[in-house]
Amino acid sequence: MENTASVQDTKELSVHDCWKYLQSTSVCRIGLVIDGNPEIFPLNFVSNYGTIIFRIGEGTKEAALRGASRVALEADGFNSYGTIAWSVIVKGNAEFVSDPNEIQEAVDSGLAPWQPGSKDILVRVTPSDISGRRFVINPPSQWRPNVDPETLPEEQRS
């Protein structure tokens, strides 16, 4: 499928703008390698003094993070009209936080688990690279293929 958006419709974000967008959301995805396979997990997070902080419980993510300190995070969003989208990628080093003052700081910043269960492990990602872009969302007619209703399976016809 051809992308008809012009180059002017896409803007590379400055580091400052990347942080601005990261502060506007609380959900990202983390990419980790588990048993040799890439996996992606959603996380809620807060940005704090030029770092990303999140909480996890014991298990898969913890084991993967203990095995390798490098991670990639991605957060996305769009404006309230659904016409402009953005995406920010943070690559960096993950470290487990055990200092009681830093843990309290994370709690004070509003970092709380969304799911029930123990999520007492605090992880801080210090970015080594942060990049992002903002772009105009093409109308669906530009990216959704035209489909002849007669070729759809019967249960998908309306």
C-alpha atoms as a PDB file:
ATOM      1  CA  MET A   1       0.000   0.000   0.000  1.00  0.00           C
ATOM      2  CA  GLU A   2       1.357   3.408  -0.894  1.00  0.00           C
ATOM      3  CA  ASN A   3       1.708   6.129   1.728  1.00  0.00           C
ATOM      4  CA  THR A   4       0.571   9.384   0.157  1.00  0.00           C
ATOM      5  CA  ALA A   5       1.535  11.598   3.102  1.00  0.00           C
ATOM      6  CA  SER A   6       4.059  14.225   2.259  1.00  0.00           C
ATOM      7  CA  VAL A   7       7.345  14.530   4.087  1.00  0.00           C
ATOM      8  CA  GLN A   8       6.023  17.756   5.606  1.00  0.00           C
ATOM      9  CA  ASP A   9       3.267  15.763   7.312  1.00  0.00           C
ATOM     10  CA  THR A  10       5.909  13.985   9.448  1.00  0.00           C
ATOM     11  CA  LYS A  11       8.100  15.784  11.954  1.00  0.00           C
ATOM     12  CA  GLU A  12      11.022  14.325  13.876  1.00  0.00           C
ATOM     13  CA  LEU A  13      10.620  15.294  17.525  1.00  0.00           C
ATOM     14  CA  SER A  14      13.303  16.969  19.601  1.00  0.00           C
ATOM     15  CA  VAL A  15      14.292  15.284  22.856  1.00  0.00           C
ATOM     16  CA  HIS A  16      12.378  18.018  24.697  1.00  0.00           C
ATOM     17  CA  ASP A  17       9.222  17.275  22.662  1.00  0.00           C
ATOM     18  CA  CYS A  18       9.665  13.532  23.236  1.00  0.00           C
ATOM     19  CA  TRP A  19       9.603  14.121  27.000  1.00  0.00           C
ATOM     20  CA  LYS A  20       6.579  16.393  26.641  1.00  0.00           C
ATOM     21  CA  TYR A  21       4.684  13.611  24.875  1.00  0.00           C
ATOM     22  CA  LEU A  22       5.870  10.969  27.358  1.00  0.00           C
ATOM     23  CA  GLN A  23       4.544  13.120  30.188  1.00  0.00           C
ATOM     24  CA  SER A  24       1.148  13.254  28.468  1.00  0.00           C
ATOM     25  CA  THR A  25       0.527   9.521  28.758  1.00  0.00           C
ATOM     26  CA  SER A  26       0.933   6.773  31.319  1.00  0.00           C
ATOM     27  CA  VAL A  27       1.062   3.667  29.128  1.00  0.00           C
ATOM     28  CA  CYS A  28       3.926   2.301  27.076  1.00  0.00           C
ATOM     29  CA  ARG A  29       5.193  -1.047  25.827  1.00  0.00           C
ATOM     30  CA  ILE A  30       8.492  -2.625  26.740  1.00  0.00           C
ATOM     31  CA  GLY A  31      10.408  -4.894  24.391  1.00  0.00           C
ATOM     32  CA  LEU A  32      12.376  -7.699  26.025  1.00  0.00           C
ATOM     33  CA  VAL A  33      14.019 -10.901  24.836  1.00  0.00           C
ATOM     34  CA  ILE A  34      12.686 -13.982  26.623  1.00  0.00           C
ATOM     35  CA  ASP A  35      14.085 -17.422  25.848  1.00  0.00           C
ATOM     36  CA  GLY A  36      15.609 -16.000  22.673  1.00  0.00           C
ATOM     37  CA  ASN A  37      12.303 -14.568  21.423  1.00  0.00           C
ATOM     38  CA  PRO A  38      11.272 -10.919  21.371  1.00  0.00           C
ATOM     39  CA  GLU A  39       8.264 -10.145  23.539  1.00  0.00           C
ATOM     40  CA  ILE A  40       6.306  -6.937  24.101  1.00  0.00           C
ATOM     41  CA  PHE A  41       4.455  -6.069  27.299  1.00  0.00           C
ATOM     42  CA  PRO A  42       2.261  -3.082  28.167  1.00  0.00           C
ATOM     43  CA  LEU A  43       3.281  -1.060  31.224  1.00  0.00           C
ATOM     44  CA  ASN A  44       2.023   1.930  33.080  1.00  0.00           C
ATOM     45  CA  PHE A  45       4.839   4.332  33.905  1.00  0.00           C
ATOM     46  CA  VAL A  46       5.823   7.798  35.015  1.00  0.00           C
ATOM     47  CA  SER A  47       8.595   9.971  33.663  1.00  0.00           C
ATOM     48  CA  ASN A  48      10.786  11.238  36.461  1.00  0.00           C
ATOM     49  CA  TYR A  49      13.850  13.504  36.236  1.00  0.00           C
ATOM     50  CA  GLY A  50      14.795  12.342  32.751  1.00  0.00           C
ATOM     51  CA  THR A  51      14.089   8.671  33.434  1.00  0.00           C
ATOM     52  CA  ILE A  52      11.162   6.281  33.054  1.00  0.00           C
ATOM     53  CA  ILE A  53       9.958   4.394  36.141  1.00  0.00           C
ATOM     54  CA  PHE A  54       7.601   1.432  36.270  1.00  0.00           C
ATOM     55  CA  ARG A  55       6.564  -1.284  38.727  1.00  0.00           C
ATOM     56  CA  ILE A  56       6.408  -5.008  38.067  1.00  0.00           C
ATOM     57  CA  GLY A  57       5.803  -8.180  40.021  1.00  0.00           C
ATOM     58  CA  GLU A  58       7.920 -11.300  40.192  1.00  0.00           C
ATOM     59  CA  GLY A  59       7.826 -13.312  36.996  1.00  0.00           C
ATOM     60  CA  THR A  60       8.577 -13.130  33.303  1.00  0.00           C
ATOM     61  CA  LYS A  61       9.418  -9.429  32.988  1.00  0.00           C
ATOM     62  CA  GLU A  62      11.523  -9.466  36.132  1.00  0.00           C
ATOM     63  CA  ALA A  63      13.541 -12.478  34.955  1.00  0.00           C
ATOM     64  CA  ALA A  64      14.112 -10.909  31.531  1.00  0.00           C
ATOM     65  CA  LEU A  65      15.183  -7.604  33.073  1.00  0.00           C
ATOM     66  CA  ARG A  66      17.597  -9.323  35.434  1.00  0.00           C
ATOM     67  CA  GLY A  67      19.118 -11.135  32.460  1.00  0.00           C
ATOM     68  CA  ALA A  68      19.794  -8.026  30.359  1.00  0.00           C
ATOM     69  CA  SER A  69      19.896  -4.408  31.349  1.00  0.00           C
ATOM     70  CA  ARG A  70      19.183  -2.901  27.879  1.00  0.00           C
ATOM     71  CA  VAL A  71      15.534  -2.283  27.017  1.00  0.00           C
ATOM     72  CA  ALA A  72      13.374  -0.467  24.497  1.00  0.00           C
ATOM     73  CA  LEU A  73      10.147   1.330  25.405  1.00  0.00           C
ATOM     74  CA  GLU A  74       7.567   2.806  23.056  1.00  0.00           C
ATOM     75  CA  ALA A  75       4.662   5.116  23.812  1.00  0.00           C
ATOM     76  CA  ASP A  76       2.167   6.465  21.274  1.00  0.00           C
ATOM     77  CA  GLY A  77      -0.816   8.732  21.217  1.00  0.00           C
ATOM     78  CA  PHE A  78      -2.869  11.107  19.133  1.00  0.00           C
ATOM     79  CA  ASN A  79      -4.611  14.426  19.536  1.00  0.00           C
ATOM     80  CA  SER A  80      -8.231  14.692  20.653  1.00  0.00           C
ATOM     81  CA  TYR A  81      -9.402  15.083  17.035  1.00  0.00           C
ATOM     82  CA  GLY A  82      -7.648  11.909  15.847  1.00  0.00           C
ATOM     83  CA  THR A  83      -5.795  13.848  13.155  1.00  0.00           C
ATOM     84  CA  ILE A  84      -2.237  13.982  14.527  1.00  0.00           C
ATOM     85  CA  ALA A  85      -0.413  10.952  15.971  1.00  0.00           C
ATOM     86  CA  TRP A  86       2.927  10.652  17.741  1.00  0.00           C
ATOM     87  CA  SER A  87       5.304   7.887  18.716  1.00  0.00           C
ATOM     88  CA  VAL A  88       8.303   8.024  21.060  1.00  0.00           C
ATOM     89  CA  ILE A  89      10.949   5.308  21.485  1.00  0.00           C
ATOM     90  CA  VAL A  90      13.258   5.212  24.495  1.00  0.00           C
ATOM     91  CA  LYS A  91      16.275   2.910  24.519  1.00  0.00           C
ATOM     92  CA  GLY A  92      18.336   2.631  27.631  1.00  0.00           C
ATOM     93  CA  ASN A  93      19.597   0.812  30.660  1.00  0.00           C
ATOM     94  CA  ALA A  94      17.194  -0.676  33.174  1.00  0.00           C
ATOM     95  CA  GLU A  95      18.086  -0.905  36.834  1.00  0.00           C
ATOM     96  CA  PHE A  96      16.205  -2.167  39.835  1.00  0.00           C
ATOM     97  CA  VAL A  97      15.568   0.518  42.434  1.00  0.00           C
ATOM     98  CA  SER A  98      15.876  -0.422  46.075  1.00  0.00           C
ATOM     99  CA  ASP A  99      16.616   2.905  47.776  1.00  0.00           C
ATOM    100  CA  PRO A 100      13.626   3.670  50.077  1.00  0.00           C
ATOM    101  CA  ASN A 101      13.693   7.392  49.201  1.00  0.00           C
ATOM    102  CA  GLU A 102      13.534   6.645  45.455  1.00  0.00           C
ATOM    103  CA  ILE A 103      10.714   4.177  46.008  1.00  0.00           C
ATOM    104  CA  GLN A 104       8.773   6.791  47.982  1.00  0.00           C
ATOM    105  CA  GLU A 105       9.454   9.352  45.247  1.00  0.00           C
ATOM    106  CA  ALA A 106       7.956   6.982  42.666  1.00  0.00           C
ATOM    107  CA  VAL A 107       4.872   6.406  44.821  1.00  0.00           C
ATOM    108  CA  ASP A 108       4.520  10.177  45.352  1.00  0.00           C
ATOM    109  CA  SER A 109       4.689  10.721  41.574  1.00  0.00           C
ATOM    110  CA  GLY A 110       1.516   8.667  41.130  1.00  0.00           C
ATOM    111  CA  LEU A 111       3.051   5.392  40.024  1.00  0.00           C
ATOM    112  CA  ALA A 112       0.593   2.726  41.113  1.00  0.00           C
ATOM    113  CA  PRO A 113      -0.178  -0.692  39.617  1.00  0.00           C
ATOM    114  CA  TRP A 114      -3.267  -0.953  37.457  1.00  0.00           C
ATOM    115  CA  GLN A 115      -3.772  -4.671  38.018  1.00  0.00           C
ATOM    116  CA  PRO A 116      -4.328  -6.460  41.308  1.00  0.00           C
ATOM    117  CA  GLY A 117      -1.463  -8.360  42.839  1.00  0.00           C
ATOM    118  CA  SER A 118       1.920  -7.532  44.177  1.00  0.00           C
ATOM    119  CA  LYS A 119       3.922  -5.170  41.948  1.00  0.00           C
ATOM    120  CA  ASP A 120       6.627  -4.271  44.430  1.00  0.00           C
ATOM    121  CA  ILE A 121       9.617  -4.259  42.086  1.00  0.00           C
ATOM    122  CA  LEU A 122      10.552  -0.786  40.922  1.00  0.00           C
ATOM    123  CA  VAL A 123      12.529  -0.395  37.685  1.00  0.00           C
ATOM    124  CA  ARG A 124      14.134   2.787  36.346  1.00  0.00           C
ATOM    125  CA  VAL A 125      15.174   3.176  32.707  1.00  0.00           C
ATOM    126  CA  THR A 126      17.856   5.765  32.054  1.00  0.00           C
ATOM    127  CA  PRO A 127      17.721   6.638  28.357  1.00  0.00           C
ATOM    128  CA  SER A 128      20.774   6.382  26.152  1.00  0.00           C
ATOM    129  CA  ASP A 129      18.666   7.248  23.093  1.00  0.00           C
ATOM    130  CA  ILE A 130      15.277   8.884  22.747  1.00  0.00           C
ATOM    131  CA  SER A 131      13.571   9.631  19.464  1.00  0.00           C
ATOM    132  CA  GLY A 132      10.117  10.294  18.197  1.00  0.00           C
ATOM    133  CA  ARG A 133       7.981  11.600  15.434  1.00  0.00           C
ATOM    134  CA  ARG A 134       4.649  13.294  15.000  1.00  0.00           C
ATOM    135  CA  PHE A 135       2.612  12.898  11.833  1.00  0.00           C
ATOM    136  CA  VAL A 136      -0.692  13.677  10.212  1.00  0.00           C
ATOM    137  CA  ILE A 137      -3.011  10.685  10.103  1.00  0.00           C
ATOM    138  CA  ASN A 138      -4.196  10.073   6.567  1.00  0.00           C
ATOM    139  CA  PRO A 139      -7.931   9.620   6.095  1.00  0.00           C
ATOM    140  CA  PRO A 140      -8.939   5.935   6.076  1.00  0.00           C
ATOM    141  CA  SER A 141      -9.529   6.088   2.337  1.00  0.00           C
ATOM    142  CA  GLN A 142      -5.742   6.479   1.991  1.00  0.00           C
ATOM    143  CA  TRP A 143      -4.767   3.406   4.034  1.00  0.00           C
ATOM    144  CA  ARG A 144      -7.794   1.120   4.177  1.00  0.00           C
ATOM    145  CA  PRO A 145      -8.083  -1.037   1.056  1.00  0.00           C
ATOM    146  CA  ASN A 146     -11.358  -1.048  -0.792  1.00  0.00           C
ATOM    147  CA  VAL A 147     -13.052  -4.402  -0.443  1.00  0.00           C
ATOM    148  CA  ASP A 148     -15.810  -5.695  -2.633  1.00  0.00           C
ATOM    149  CA  PRO A 149     -18.525  -6.838  -0.181  1.00  0.00           C
ATOM    150  CA  GLU A 150     -19.345  -9.738  -2.481  1.00  0.00           C
ATOM    151  CA  THR A 151     -15.888 -11.212  -1.841  1.00  0.00           C
ATOM    152  CA  LEU A 152     -16.291 -11.177   1.974  1.00  0.00           C
ATOM    153  CA  PRO A 153     -17.323 -14.289   3.854  1.00  0.00           C
ATOM    154  CA  GLU A 154     -21.089 -14.334   4.528  1.00  0.00           C
ATOM    155  CA  GLU A 155     -20.707 -13.583   8.278  1.00  0.00           C
ATOM    156  CA  GLN A 156     -18.803 -10.354   7.492  1.00  0.00           C
ATOM    157  CA  ARG A 157     -21.349  -8.937   5.066  1.00  0.00           C
ATOM    158  CA  SER A 158     -23.694  -6.305   6.432  1.00  0.00           C
END
